C-alpha atoms as a PDB file:
ATOM      1  CA  MET A   1     -30.056  -3.129 -18.838  1.00  0.00           C
ATOM      2  CA  VAL A   2     -26.710  -4.569 -18.240  1.00  0.00           C
ATOM      3  CA  PRO A   3     -26.513  -8.215 -17.185  1.00  0.00           C
ATOM      4  CA  ARG A   4     -25.577  -9.229 -13.793  1.00  0.00           C
ATOM      5  CA  LYS A   5     -22.477 -11.022 -15.010  1.00  0.00           C
ATOM      6  CA  VAL A   6     -21.101  -7.821 -16.738  1.00  0.00           C
ATOM      7  CA  LYS A   7     -21.734  -5.949 -13.702  1.00  0.00           C
ATOM      8  CA  LYS A   8     -19.620  -8.506 -11.515  1.00  0.00           C
ATOM      9  CA  ILE A   9     -16.818  -8.572 -13.787  1.00  0.00           C
ATOM     10  CA  ALA A  10     -16.722  -4.545 -14.088  1.00  0.00           C
ATOM     11  CA  TRP A  11     -16.505  -4.342 -10.294  1.00  0.00           C
ATOM     12  CA  ARG A  12     -13.836  -7.178 -10.171  1.00  0.00           C
ATOM     13  CA  LEU A  13     -11.879  -4.976 -12.509  1.00  0.00           C
ATOM     14  CA  VAL A  14     -12.320  -1.901 -10.468  1.00  0.00           C
ATOM     15  CA  HIS A  15     -11.206  -3.917  -7.407  1.00  0.00           C
ATOM     16  CA  LEU A  16      -8.230  -5.221  -9.074  1.00  0.00           C
ATOM     17  CA  ALA A  17      -7.295  -1.741 -10.375  1.00  0.00           C
ATOM     18  CA  ILE A  18      -7.565  -0.269  -6.782  1.00  0.00           C
ATOM     19  CA  ILE A  19      -5.475  -3.256  -5.510  1.00  0.00           C
ATOM     20  CA  ILE A  20      -2.817  -2.780  -8.344  1.00  0.00           C
ATOM     21  CA  ASN A  21      -2.751   1.248  -7.624  1.00  0.00           C
ATOM     22  CA  PHE A  22      -2.045   0.429  -3.819  1.00  0.00           C
ATOM     23  CA  LEU A  23       0.761  -1.965  -4.563  1.00  0.00           C
ATOM     24  CA  LEU A  24       2.444   0.202  -7.165  1.00  0.00           C
ATOM     25  CA  ASN A  25       2.261   3.177  -4.835  1.00  0.00           C
ATOM     26  CA  ILE A  26       3.762   0.944  -1.864  1.00  0.00           C
ATOM     27  CA  ALA A  27       6.607  -0.214  -4.352  1.00  0.00           C
ATOM     28  CA  TYR A  28       7.384   3.269  -5.501  1.00  0.00           C
ATOM     29  CA  CYS A  29       7.535   4.679  -2.008  1.00  0.00           C
ATOM     30  CA  ALA A  30       9.860   1.849  -0.915  1.00  0.00           C
ATOM     31  CA  LEU A  31      12.110   2.501  -4.049  1.00  0.00           C
ATOM     32  CA  GLN A  32      12.388   6.122  -3.224  1.00  0.00           C
ATOM     33  CA  VAL A  33      13.225   5.609   0.421  1.00  0.00           C
ATOM     34  CA  PHE A  34      15.578   2.612   0.024  1.00  0.00           C
ATOM     35  CA  VAL A  35      17.309   3.326  -3.369  1.00  0.00           C
ATOM     36  CA  VAL A  36      16.835   6.861  -4.424  1.00  0.00           C
ATOM     37  CA  PHE A  37      17.165   8.595  -1.186  1.00  0.00           C
ATOM     38  CA  ASN A  38      19.626   6.254   0.129  1.00  0.00           C
ATOM     39  CA  PRO A  39      22.704   7.957   1.532  1.00  0.00           C
ATOM     40  CA  GLY A  40      25.049   5.152   0.521  1.00  0.00           C
ATOM     41  CA  THR A  41      24.541   2.965   3.638  1.00  0.00           C
ATOM     42  CA  GLY A  42      22.155  -0.119   3.278  1.00  0.00           C
ATOM     43  CA  GLY A  43      19.353  -0.462   5.932  1.00  0.00           C
ATOM     44  CA  PRO A  44      18.650   1.915   8.660  1.00  0.00           C
ATOM     45  CA  LEU A  45      20.425   5.345   8.895  1.00  0.00           C
ATOM     46  CA  PHE A  46      21.034   5.393  12.795  1.00  0.00           C
ATOM     47  CA  GLY A  47      23.547   8.121  13.326  1.00  0.00           C
ATOM     48  CA  GLY A  48      23.859   8.817   9.496  1.00  0.00           C
ATOM     49  CA  ALA A  49      20.717  10.918   9.807  1.00  0.00           C
ATOM     50  CA  VAL A  50      22.742  13.613  11.599  1.00  0.00           C
ATOM     51  CA  ASP A  51      25.236  14.041   8.719  1.00  0.00           C
ATOM     52  CA  MET A  52      22.381  14.204   5.972  1.00  0.00           C
ATOM     53  CA  GLU A  53      21.200  17.524   4.388  1.00  0.00           C
ATOM     54  CA  LEU A  54      17.989  18.653   5.787  1.00  0.00           C
ATOM     55  CA  ASP A  55      16.309  18.797   2.476  1.00  0.00           C
ATOM     56  CA  PHE A  56      17.572  15.206   1.644  1.00  0.00           C
ATOM     57  CA  PHE A  57      16.233  13.996   4.921  1.00  0.00           C
ATOM     58  CA  LEU A  58      12.978  15.566   4.728  1.00  0.00           C
ATOM     59  CA  LYS A  59      12.322  14.101   1.330  1.00  0.00           C
ATOM     60  CA  ARG A  60      13.223  10.788   2.399  1.00  0.00           C
ATOM     61  CA  ARG A  61      10.880  10.847   5.534  1.00  0.00           C
ATOM     62  CA  LEU A  62       8.017  12.221   3.444  1.00  0.00           C
ATOM     63  CA  TYR A  63       8.205   9.127   1.185  1.00  0.00           C
ATOM     64  CA  ALA A  64       8.425   6.955   4.175  1.00  0.00           C
ATOM     65  CA  ILE A  65       5.256   8.615   5.561  1.00  0.00           C
ATOM     66  CA  GLU A  66       3.591   8.080   2.322  1.00  0.00           C
ATOM     67  CA  PHE A  67       4.602   4.519   2.380  1.00  0.00           C
ATOM     68  CA  TRP A  68       2.877   3.892   5.646  1.00  0.00           C
ATOM     69  CA  ILE A  69      -0.170   5.892   4.772  1.00  0.00           C
ATOM     70  CA  THR A  70      -0.577   3.918   1.562  1.00  0.00           C
ATOM     71  CA  PHE A  71       0.151   0.690   3.258  1.00  0.00           C
ATOM     72  CA  LEU A  72      -2.617   1.506   6.098  1.00  0.00           C
ATOM     73  CA  GLY A  73      -5.017   2.404   3.451  1.00  0.00           C
ATOM     74  CA  PHE A  74      -4.427  -0.891   1.654  1.00  0.00           C
ATOM     75  CA  ALA A  75      -4.867  -3.046   4.772  1.00  0.00           C
ATOM     76  CA  ILE A  76      -8.090  -1.278   5.557  1.00  0.00           C
ATOM     77  CA  TYR A  77      -9.334  -1.672   2.010  1.00  0.00           C
ATOM     78  CA  MET A  78      -8.439  -5.505   2.021  1.00  0.00           C
ATOM     79  CA  ALA A  79      -9.854  -5.904   5.397  1.00  0.00           C
ATOM     80  CA  LEU A  80     -13.190  -4.238   4.366  1.00  0.00           C
ATOM     81  CA  THR A  81     -13.500  -6.137   0.843  1.00  0.00           C
ATOM     82  CA  GLU A  82     -11.887  -9.438   1.277  1.00  0.00           C
ATOM     83  CA  ILE A  83     -11.211 -10.455   4.964  1.00  0.00           C
ATOM     84  CA  LEU A  84     -14.511  -9.333   6.514  1.00  0.00           C
ATOM     85  CA  PRO A  85     -16.793 -10.873   3.729  1.00  0.00           C
ATOM     86  CA  ALA A  86     -14.866 -14.155   3.810  1.00  0.00           C
ATOM     87  CA  ARG A  87     -15.192 -14.204   7.764  1.00  0.00           C
ATOM     88  CA  GLN A  88     -18.950 -13.699   7.497  1.00  0.00           C
ATOM     89  CA  ARG A  89     -19.168 -16.398   4.939  1.00  0.00           C
ATOM     90  CA  PHE A  90     -17.333 -18.772   7.166  1.00  0.00           C
ATOM     91  CA  GLU A  91     -19.479 -17.906  10.060  1.00  0.00           C
ATOM     92  CA  ASN A  92     -22.686 -18.473   8.144  1.00  0.00           C
ATOM     93  CA  ASP A  93     -21.450 -21.767   6.688  1.00  0.00           C
ATOM     94  CA  SER A  94     -20.460 -23.103  10.048  1.00  0.00           C
ATOM     95  CA  SER A  95     -23.751 -22.272  11.700  1.00  0.00           C
END
């Protein structure tokens, strides 16, 4: 039988690994969009998107979509595992 403390540490490590995975994927996608697939202009493309090759533009767009999906997943994960339990503890302590 595994002690309760060991289980708690194991779940903390899994939680930390999930958070690190989300953050690394967000950083990787941001790097791809703003550095690797950068047409040479800093910041938004504005009219520069018209002059880009379609393949280049689509790859950049796919990384941007992946960034937002990962960011949304991270926000939902943090809301369910950190924010909601903290709010419930606060409400239980205040009553």
